[in-house]
PDB file of N, CA and C in Angstrom:
ATOM      1  N   MET A   1       2.702  -1.979  -4.138  1.00  0.00           N
ATOM      2  CA  MET A   1       3.090  -3.273  -4.642  1.00  0.00           C
ATOM      3  C   MET A   1       4.561  -3.569  -4.342  1.00  0.00           C
ATOM      4  N   LYS A   2       5.211  -2.617  -3.723  1.00  0.00           N
ATOM      5  CA  LYS A   2       6.573  -2.854  -3.268  1.00  0.00           C
ATOM      6  C   LYS A   2       6.506  -3.030  -1.757  1.00  0.00           C
ATOM      7  N   PRO A   3       7.626  -3.205  -1.080  1.00  0.00           N
ATOM      8  CA  PRO A   3       7.606  -3.463   0.356  1.00  0.00           C
ATOM      9  C   PRO A   3       6.773  -2.468   1.159  1.00  0.00           C
ATOM     10  N   VAL A   4       6.336  -2.939   2.329  1.00  0.00           N
ATOM     11  CA  VAL A   4       5.367  -2.174   3.118  1.00  0.00           C
ATOM     12  C   VAL A   4       5.896  -1.698   4.472  1.00  0.00           C
ATOM     13  N   SER A   5       7.203  -1.678   4.645  1.00  0.00           N
ATOM     14  CA  SER A   5       7.764  -1.120   5.874  1.00  0.00           C
ATOM     15  C   SER A   5       9.178  -0.628   5.614  1.00  0.00           C
ATOM     16  N   ALA A   6       9.699   0.167   6.542  1.00  0.00           N
ATOM     17  CA  ALA A   6      11.039   0.726   6.381  1.00  0.00           C
ATOM     18  C   ALA A   6      12.109  -0.358   6.365  1.00  0.00           C
ATOM     19  N   ILE A   7      11.885  -1.458   7.076  1.00  0.00           N
ATOM     20  CA  ILE A   7      12.893  -2.514   7.114  1.00  0.00           C
ATOM     21  C   ILE A   7      12.658  -3.580   6.054  1.00  0.00           C
ATOM     22  N   ASP A   8      11.671  -3.367   5.214  1.00  0.00           N
ATOM     23  CA  ASP A   8      11.345  -4.313   4.148  1.00  0.00           C
ATOM     24  C   ASP A   8      11.553  -3.609   2.815  1.00  0.00           C
ATOM     25  N   ALA A   9      12.784  -3.597   2.361  1.00  0.00           N
ATOM     26  CA  ALA A   9      13.099  -2.936   1.104  1.00  0.00           C
ATOM     27  C   ALA A   9      14.161  -3.753   0.373  1.00  0.00           C
ATOM     28  N   GLU A  10      14.145  -3.671  -0.934  1.00  0.00           N
ATOM     29  CA  GLU A  10      15.102  -4.421  -1.735  1.00  0.00           C
ATOM     30  C   GLU A  10      16.524  -4.105  -1.294  1.00  0.00           C
ATOM     31  N   GLY A  11      17.306  -5.154  -1.097  1.00  0.00           N
ATOM     32  CA  GLY A  11      18.685  -4.985  -0.693  1.00  0.00           C
ATOM     33  C   GLY A  11      18.917  -5.053   0.806  1.00  0.00           C
ATOM     34  N   ILE A  12      17.857  -4.957   1.598  1.00  0.00           N
ATOM     35  CA  ILE A  12      17.964  -5.057   3.056  1.00  0.00           C
ATOM     36  C   ILE A  12      17.861  -6.539   3.422  1.00  0.00           C
ATOM     37  N   PRO A  13      18.671  -7.008   4.387  1.00  0.00           N
ATOM     38  CA  PRO A  13      18.713  -8.444   4.694  1.00  0.00           C
ATOM     39  C   PRO A  13      17.367  -9.099   5.008  1.00  0.00           C
ATOM     40  N   VAL A  14      16.408  -8.367   5.555  1.00  0.00           N
ATOM     41  CA  VAL A  14      15.125  -8.999   5.897  1.00  0.00           C
ATOM     42  C   VAL A  14      14.109  -8.931   4.765  1.00  0.00           C
ATOM     43  N   TRP A  15      14.495  -8.382   3.626  1.00  0.00           N
ATOM     44  CA  TRP A  15      13.577  -8.287   2.492  1.00  0.00           C
ATOM     45  C   TRP A  15      13.225  -9.677   1.994  1.00  0.00           C
ATOM     46  N   TRP A  16      11.936  -9.938   1.826  1.00  0.00           N
ATOM     47  CA  TRP A  16      11.452 -11.242   1.376  1.00  0.00           C
ATOM     48  C   TRP A  16      10.362 -10.996   0.342  1.00  0.00           C
ATOM     49  N   ALA A  17      10.757 -10.868  -0.891  1.00  0.00           N
ATOM     50  CA  ALA A  17       9.846 -10.497  -1.977  1.00  0.00           C
ATOM     51  C   ALA A  17       8.664 -11.457  -2.096  1.00  0.00           C
ATOM     52  N   GLU A  18       8.906 -12.748  -1.900  1.00  0.00           N
ATOM     53  CA  GLU A  18       7.815 -13.732  -2.024  1.00  0.00           C
ATOM     54  C   GLU A  18       6.744 -13.511  -0.957  1.00  0.00           C
ATOM     55  N   ALA A  19       7.155 -13.110   0.226  1.00  0.00           N
ATOM     56  CA  ALA A  19       6.181 -12.838   1.285  1.00  0.00           C
ATOM     57  C   ALA A  19       5.330 -11.632   0.927  1.00  0.00           C
ATOM     58  N   ASP A  20       5.957 -10.610   0.374  1.00  0.00           N
ATOM     59  CA  ASP A  20       5.190  -9.428  -0.054  1.00  0.00           C
ATOM     60  C   ASP A  20       4.190  -9.806  -1.139  1.00  0.00           C
ATOM     61  N   THR A  21       4.634 -10.598  -2.105  1.00  0.00           N
ATOM     62  CA  THR A  21       3.750 -11.041  -3.181  1.00  0.00           C
ATOM     63  C   THR A  21       2.564 -11.815  -2.614  1.00  0.00           C
ATOM     64  N   GLY A  22       2.824 -12.702  -1.658  1.00  0.00           N
ATOM     65  CA  GLY A  22       1.754 -13.467  -1.019  1.00  0.00           C
ATOM     66  C   GLY A  22       0.776 -12.580  -0.265  1.00  0.00           C
ATOM     67  N   LEU A  23       1.313 -11.593   0.435  1.00  0.00           N
ATOM     68  CA  LEU A  23       0.454 -10.647   1.155  1.00  0.00           C
ATOM     69  C   LEU A  23      -0.485  -9.928   0.200  1.00  0.00           C
ATOM     70  N   PHE A  24       0.063  -9.388  -0.875  1.00  0.00           N
ATOM     71  CA  PHE A  24      -0.769  -8.633  -1.819  1.00  0.00           C
ATOM     72  C   PHE A  24      -1.806  -9.526  -2.500  1.00  0.00           C
ATOM     73  N   GLN A  25      -1.423 -10.753  -2.846  1.00  0.00           N
ATOM     74  CA  GLN A  25      -2.384 -11.664  -3.478  1.00  0.00           C
ATOM     75  C   GLN A  25      -3.483 -12.039  -2.499  1.00  0.00           C
ATOM     76  N   SER A  26      -3.148 -12.254  -1.248  1.00  0.00           N
ATOM     77  CA  SER A  26      -4.151 -12.565  -0.238  1.00  0.00           C
ATOM     78  C   SER A  26      -5.135 -11.414  -0.078  1.00  0.00           C
ATOM     79  N   LEU A  27      -4.633 -10.199  -0.079  1.00  0.00           N
ATOM     80  CA  LEU A  27      -5.537  -9.039   0.000  1.00  0.00           C
ATOM     81  C   LEU A  27      -6.482  -9.017  -1.197  1.00  0.00           C
ATOM     82  N   ARG A  28      -5.951  -9.231  -2.389  1.00  0.00           N
ATOM     83  CA  ARG A  28      -6.802  -9.253  -3.583  1.00  0.00           C
ATOM     84  C   ARG A  28      -7.880 -10.329  -3.471  1.00  0.00           C
ATOM     85  N   ASN A  29      -7.511 -11.487  -2.930  1.00  0.00           N
ATOM     86  CA  ASN A  29      -8.440 -12.610  -2.832  1.00  0.00           C
ATOM     87  C   ASN A  29      -9.532 -12.394  -1.790  1.00  0.00           C
ATOM     88  N   TRP A  30      -9.219 -11.723  -0.700  1.00  0.00           N
ATOM     89  CA  TRP A  30     -10.116 -11.703   0.448  1.00  0.00           C
ATOM     90  C   TRP A  30     -10.721 -10.348   0.798  1.00  0.00           C
ATOM     91  N   ILE A  31     -10.278  -9.279   0.157  1.00  0.00           N
ATOM     92  CA  ILE A  31     -10.807  -7.959   0.504  1.00  0.00           C
ATOM     93  C   ILE A  31     -12.291  -7.870   0.144  1.00  0.00           C
ATOM     94  N   SER A  32     -13.036  -7.200   0.965  1.00  0.00           N
ATOM     95  CA  SER A  32     -14.471  -7.036   0.729  1.00  0.00           C
ATOM     96  C   SER A  32     -14.708  -6.265  -0.573  1.00  0.00           C
ATOM     97  N   PRO A  33     -15.720  -6.632  -1.327  1.00  0.00           N
ATOM     98  CA  PRO A  33     -16.033  -5.879  -2.545  1.00  0.00           C
ATOM     99  C   PRO A  33     -16.420  -4.429  -2.242  1.00  0.00           C
ATOM    100  N   ARG A  34     -16.777  -4.152  -0.998  1.00  0.00           N
ATOM    101  CA  ARG A  34     -17.134  -2.781  -0.619  1.00  0.00           C
ATOM    102  C   ARG A  34     -15.912  -1.916  -0.350  1.00  0.00           C
ATOM    103  N   VAL A  35     -14.739  -2.525  -0.330  1.00  0.00           N
ATOM    104  CA  VAL A  35     -13.499  -1.799  -0.053  1.00  0.00           C
ATOM    105  C   VAL A  35     -12.739  -1.603  -1.362  1.00  0.00           C
ATOM    106  N   GLU A  36     -12.383  -0.362  -1.633  1.00  0.00           N
ATOM    107  CA  GLU A  36     -11.605  -0.071  -2.835  1.00  0.00           C
ATOM    108  C   GLU A  36     -10.129  -0.360  -2.551  1.00  0.00           C
ATOM    109  N   MET A  37      -9.531  -1.190  -3.372  1.00  0.00           N
ATOM    110  CA  MET A  37      -8.105  -1.476  -3.247  1.00  0.00           C
ATOM    111  C   MET A  37      -7.383  -0.770  -4.374  1.00  0.00           C
ATOM    112  N   ILE A  38      -6.460   0.075  -4.005  1.00  0.00           N
ATOM    113  CA  ILE A  38      -5.676   0.820  -4.989  1.00  0.00           C
ATOM    114  C   ILE A  38      -4.244   0.298  -4.913  1.00  0.00           C
ATOM    115  N   GLU A  39      -3.733  -0.194  -6.014  1.00  0.00           N
ATOM    116  CA  GLU A  39      -2.373  -0.734  -6.044  1.00  0.00           C
ATOM    117  C   GLU A  39      -1.442   0.269  -6.717  1.00  0.00           C
ATOM    118  N   LEU A  40      -0.384   0.600  -6.017  1.00  0.00           N
ATOM    119  CA  LEU A  40       0.606   1.539  -6.533  1.00  0.00           C
ATOM    120  C   LEU A  40       1.964   0.846  -6.570  1.00  0.00           C
ATOM    121  N   ASP A  41       2.684   1.009  -7.635  1.00  0.00           N
ATOM    122  CA  ASP A  41       3.990   0.357  -7.790  1.00  0.00           C
ATOM    123  C   ASP A  41       5.070   1.224  -7.151  1.00  0.00           C
ATOM    124  N   MET A  42       5.004   1.318  -5.814  1.00  0.00           N
ATOM    125  CA  MET A  42       5.988   2.096  -5.077  1.00  0.00           C
ATOM    126  C   MET A  42       6.075   1.582  -3.646  1.00  0.00           C
ATOM    127  N   HIS A  43       7.161   1.924  -2.967  1.00  0.00           N
ATOM    128  CA  HIS A  43       7.383   1.542  -1.576  1.00  0.00           C
ATOM    129  C   HIS A  43       6.495   2.416  -0.693  1.00  0.00           C
ATOM    130  N   ILE A  44       6.071   1.864   0.429  1.00  0.00           N
ATOM    131  CA  ILE A  44       5.179   2.594   1.327  1.00  0.00           C
ATOM    132  C   ILE A  44       5.809   3.893   1.850  1.00  0.00           C
ATOM    133  N   ASN A  45       7.139   3.975   1.866  1.00  0.00           N
ATOM    134  CA  ASN A  45       7.805   5.180   2.350  1.00  0.00           C
ATOM    135  C   ASN A  45       8.163   6.165   1.244  1.00  0.00           C
ATOM    136  N   ASP A  46       7.779   5.887   0.010  1.00  0.00           N
ATOM    137  CA  ASP A  46       8.023   6.828  -1.083  1.00  0.00           C
ATOM    138  C   ASP A  46       7.142   8.059  -0.896  1.00  0.00           C
ATOM    139  N   PRO A  47       7.683   9.260  -1.086  1.00  0.00           N
ATOM    140  CA  PRO A  47       6.868  10.475  -0.974  1.00  0.00           C
ATOM    141  C   PRO A  47       5.635  10.437  -1.885  1.00  0.00           C
ATOM    142  N   ALA A  48       5.756   9.847  -3.057  1.00  0.00           N
ATOM    143  CA  ALA A  48       4.609   9.773  -3.977  1.00  0.00           C
ATOM    144  C   ALA A  48       3.489   8.919  -3.392  1.00  0.00           C
ATOM    145  N   PHE A  49       3.840   7.882  -2.601  1.00  0.00           N
ATOM    146  CA  PHE A  49       2.820   7.071  -1.945  1.00  0.00           C
ATOM    147  C   PHE A  49       2.068   7.909  -0.924  1.00  0.00           C
ATOM    148  N   ALA A  50       2.801   8.691  -0.137  1.00  0.00           N
ATOM    149  CA  ALA A  50       2.169   9.560   0.861  1.00  0.00           C
ATOM    150  C   ALA A  50       1.239  10.564   0.190  1.00  0.00           C
ATOM    151  N   GLU A  51       1.667  11.114  -0.921  1.00  0.00           N
ATOM    152  CA  GLU A  51       0.825  12.068  -1.651  1.00  0.00           C
ATOM    153  C   GLU A  51      -0.446  11.397  -2.164  1.00  0.00           C
ATOM    154  N   ALA A  52      -0.324  10.205  -2.725  1.00  0.00           N
ATOM    155  CA  ALA A  52      -1.492   9.492  -3.252  1.00  0.00           C
ATOM    156  C   ALA A  52      -2.452   9.112  -2.128  1.00  0.00           C
ATOM    157  N   ALA A  53      -1.912   8.635  -1.010  1.00  0.00           N
ATOM    158  CA  ALA A  53      -2.765   8.253   0.122  1.00  0.00           C
ATOM    159  C   ALA A  53      -3.482   9.471   0.694  1.00  0.00           C
ATOM    160  N   THR A  54      -2.764  10.575   0.821  1.00  0.00           N
ATOM    161  CA  THR A  54      -3.367  11.805   1.337  1.00  0.00           C
ATOM    162  C   THR A  54      -4.458  12.309   0.404  1.00  0.00           C
ATOM    163  N   SER A  55      -4.171  12.290  -0.885  1.00  0.00           N
ATOM    164  CA  SER A  55      -5.155  12.744  -1.869  1.00  0.00           C
ATOM    165  C   SER A  55      -6.427  11.906  -1.795  1.00  0.00           C
ATOM    166  N   LYS A  56      -6.285  10.581  -1.708  1.00  0.00           N
ATOM    167  CA  LYS A  56      -7.450   9.700  -1.623  1.00  0.00           C
ATOM    168  C   LYS A  56      -8.215   9.945  -0.330  1.00  0.00           C
ATOM    169  N   LEU A  57      -7.500  10.075   0.774  1.00  0.00           N
ATOM    170  CA  LEU A  57      -8.142  10.326   2.057  1.00  0.00           C
ATOM    171  C   LEU A  57      -8.975  11.609   2.014  1.00  0.00           C
ATOM    172  N   LEU A  58      -8.430  12.636   1.410  1.00  0.00           N
ATOM    173  CA  LEU A  58      -9.166  13.897   1.339  1.00  0.00           C
ATOM    174  C   LEU A  58     -10.420  13.801   0.479  1.00  0.00           C
ATOM    175  N   THR A  59     -10.463  12.859  -0.465  1.00  0.00           N
ATOM    176  CA  THR A  59     -11.672  12.707  -1.281  1.00  0.00           C
ATOM    177  C   THR A  59     -12.774  11.950  -0.539  1.00  0.00           C
ATOM    178  N   ILE A  60     -12.414  11.194   0.509  1.00  0.00           N
ATOM    179  CA  ILE A  60     -13.446  10.407   1.183  1.00  0.00           C
ATOM    180  C   ILE A  60     -13.856  10.976   2.546  1.00  0.00           C
ATOM    181  N   LEU A  61     -13.057  11.916   3.069  1.00  0.00           N
ATOM    182  CA  LEU A  61     -13.433  12.534   4.350  1.00  0.00           C
ATOM    183  C   LEU A  61     -14.542  13.548   4.133  1.00  0.00           C
ATOM    184  N   PRO A  62     -15.465  13.641   5.096  1.00  0.00           N
ATOM    185  CA  PRO A  62     -16.496  14.672   4.966  1.00  0.00           C
ATOM    186  C   PRO A  62     -15.858  16.068   5.088  1.00  0.00           C
ATOM    187  N   VAL A  63     -16.439  16.999   4.385  1.00  0.00           N
ATOM    188  CA  VAL A  63     -15.932  18.372   4.412  1.00  0.00           C
ATOM    189  C   VAL A  63     -16.373  19.035   5.717  1.00  0.00           C
ATOM    190  N   ALA A  64     -15.432  19.661   6.424  1.00  0.00           N
ATOM    191  CA  ALA A  64     -15.765  20.375   7.661  1.00  0.00           C
ATOM    192  C   ALA A  64     -16.579  21.623   7.306  1.00  0.00           C
ATOM    193  N   ARG A  65     -17.608  21.855   8.068  1.00  0.00           N
ATOM    194  CA  ARG A  65     -18.464  23.020   7.811  1.00  0.00           C
ATOM    195  C   ARG A  65     -18.411  23.989   8.943  1.00  0.00           C
TER     196      ARG A  65
END
């Protein structure tokens, strides 16, 4: 729910909070009901985001046999 790129962060000249808000609302409005949307209140480059994404990915990948 925070910026989604390295150059899109609070305090950086190209940061545009309203555009991010619009992006997230559009995703909520148009995402397929078959797709799980998980909203996290962190920047895409936060280590905690990487951990959460990795954890989710590992729950949906088939187990190698």
